[in-house]
Structure formats: structure tokens, C-alpha cells
Amino acid sequence: MRMRFFLLLVLLAGPLPAAQAAPAFAPALSLPALLLARNDARGDADPGLAAAAAEARRRTGGQVLSAERYPTNGETRYRIKVLTPDGRVRILNLEAR
């Protein structure tokens, strides 16, 4: 009886869905390019943030983990978090130009 119930349940469930192909991803973009694209989509484009992230990457030779803009005493500054090649995380505070 249990076997019949199980077979009926399997038949009513229908065929299993076909395996779906993995999504195709766009080529990897650098963080500065992603920041520009995100800010353009929001409508608050800040090319200075992308430039600051690129500058931090150039100075340290590392990978930019995050970047944000913040005002200080009426000035705009950028806080860039970078993973250096030796595995350390550095935080750079750069002035807006």
C-alpha cells in the first residue's frame, strides 16, 4: 500500500525540471568601473570616487574592496579600503580633486 501511494505521488509530481544552464556573466569589471556604472544608474555619478579608487589601487598595488564618499568640514573626501598584495587591509583617506 505504501509503495502504491509513493508511486502515485511520484507520477502526480510530474517530470523533474531540466537542468538549467549556468547564467552567462559579463566580463569582470574593475571596482572603479563598477562604481561609475552603479552611480550612473542611481543618477548621482561621481567620477571622482572611481578616480580615487583607481589611485588607491595604483598606490598600493592591491585590490580595492570598497570605496565611499564622505563630507568633512565642508570638504569631500574618499575612504578607500584596499587589500594589499601581502594580504593586509589598508584604509586610505584621499582628498577629492
Protein backbone atom coordinates (compact mmCIF):
# COMPACT_ATOMS: atom_id res chain seq x y z
CA MET A 1 0.00 0.00 0.00
CA ARG A 2 2.78 2.43 0.88
CA MET A 3 4.56 1.63 -2.35
CA ARG A 4 1.45 2.39 -4.41
CA PHE A 5 0.97 5.69 -2.59
CA PHE A 6 4.62 6.61 -3.22
CA LEU A 7 4.36 5.73 -6.94
CA LEU A 8 1.15 7.73 -7.27
CA LEU A 9 2.83 10.70 -5.60
CA VAL A 10 5.81 10.50 -7.95
CA LEU A 11 3.54 10.26 -11.00
CA LEU A 12 1.46 13.23 -9.90
CA ALA A 13 4.54 15.33 -9.24
CA GLY A 14 5.42 15.18 -12.90
CA PRO A 15 8.80 15.17 -14.55
CA LEU A 16 11.73 16.79 -12.86
CA PRO A 17 12.70 20.17 -14.26
CA ALA A 18 15.53 20.12 -16.75
CA ALA A 19 18.89 21.28 -15.57
CA GLN A 20 19.29 24.96 -16.20
CA ALA A 21 22.38 26.33 -17.83
CA ALA A 22 24.62 28.47 -15.67
CA PRO A 23 23.99 32.17 -16.24
CA ALA A 24 26.40 33.89 -18.56
CA PHE A 25 28.31 36.55 -16.67
CA ALA A 26 29.68 39.73 -18.11
CA PRO A 27 33.45 40.06 -18.13
CA ALA A 28 34.88 41.08 -14.79
CA LEU A 29 35.00 44.83 -14.34
CA SER A 30 37.34 46.70 -12.08
CA LEU A 31 35.84 48.32 -8.99
CA PRO A 32 36.25 51.84 -10.39
CA ALA A 33 34.25 50.83 -13.48
CA LEU A 34 31.59 49.21 -11.30
CA LEU A 35 31.38 52.33 -9.13
CA LEU A 36 30.84 54.52 -12.18
CA ALA A 37 28.17 52.18 -13.54
CA ARG A 38 26.37 51.99 -10.18
CA ASN A 39 26.46 55.73 -9.66
CA ASP A 40 25.23 56.38 -13.21
CA ALA A 41 22.31 54.02 -12.59
CA ARG A 42 21.46 55.91 -9.39
CA GLY A 43 21.73 59.25 -11.11
CA ASP A 44 24.43 60.56 -8.78
CA ALA A 45 27.51 59.95 -10.88
CA ASP A 46 30.76 60.75 -9.08
CA PRO A 47 33.72 60.14 -11.37
CA GLY A 48 35.95 61.34 -8.52
CA LEU A 49 35.10 58.23 -6.49
CA ALA A 50 36.17 55.96 -9.34
CA ALA A 51 39.33 58.02 -9.82
CA ALA A 52 40.12 57.81 -6.09
CA ALA A 53 39.65 54.02 -6.17
CA ALA A 54 41.98 53.78 -9.17
CA GLU A 55 44.53 56.00 -7.40
CA ALA A 56 44.40 53.81 -4.27
CA ARG A 57 44.93 50.70 -6.39
CA ARG A 58 47.86 52.35 -8.17
CA ARG A 59 49.49 53.45 -4.90
CA THR A 60 49.19 50.11 -3.12
CA GLY A 61 49.22 47.61 -5.98
CA GLY A 62 46.32 45.91 -4.23
CA GLN A 63 42.65 45.16 -4.82
CA VAL A 64 40.04 47.77 -3.91
CA LEU A 65 37.49 46.25 -1.54
CA SER A 66 35.22 49.26 -1.03
CA ALA A 67 35.06 52.96 -1.72
CA GLU A 68 32.81 55.66 -0.31
CA ARG A 69 32.49 59.42 -0.35
CA TYR A 70 32.05 61.38 2.86
CA PRO A 71 31.98 65.11 3.67
CA THR A 72 34.36 66.52 6.28
CA ASN A 73 34.31 70.19 7.33
CA GLY A 74 32.75 71.20 4.04
CA GLU A 75 35.25 69.18 2.00
CA THR A 76 34.63 65.93 0.17
CA ARG A 77 36.93 63.03 0.96
CA TYR A 78 37.05 59.43 -0.18
CA ARG A 79 37.57 56.42 2.10
CA ILE A 80 39.07 53.53 0.10
CA LYS A 81 39.61 50.07 1.60
CA VAL A 82 42.34 48.07 -0.19
CA LEU A 83 43.62 44.51 0.17
CA THR A 84 47.38 44.76 -0.39
CA PRO A 85 49.40 42.05 -2.17
CA ASP A 86 50.83 40.91 1.19
CA GLY A 87 47.28 40.21 2.49
CA ARG A 88 46.78 43.26 4.69
CA VAL A 89 43.79 45.57 4.55
CA ARG A 90 44.65 49.25 4.32
CA ILE A 91 42.26 52.18 4.53
CA LEU A 92 43.22 55.26 2.57
CA ASN A 93 41.55 58.65 3.06
CA LEU A 94 42.02 60.69 -0.09
CA GLU A 95 41.05 64.29 -0.78
CA ALA A 96 38.65 64.99 -3.61
CA ARG A 97 40.27 66.81 -6.53
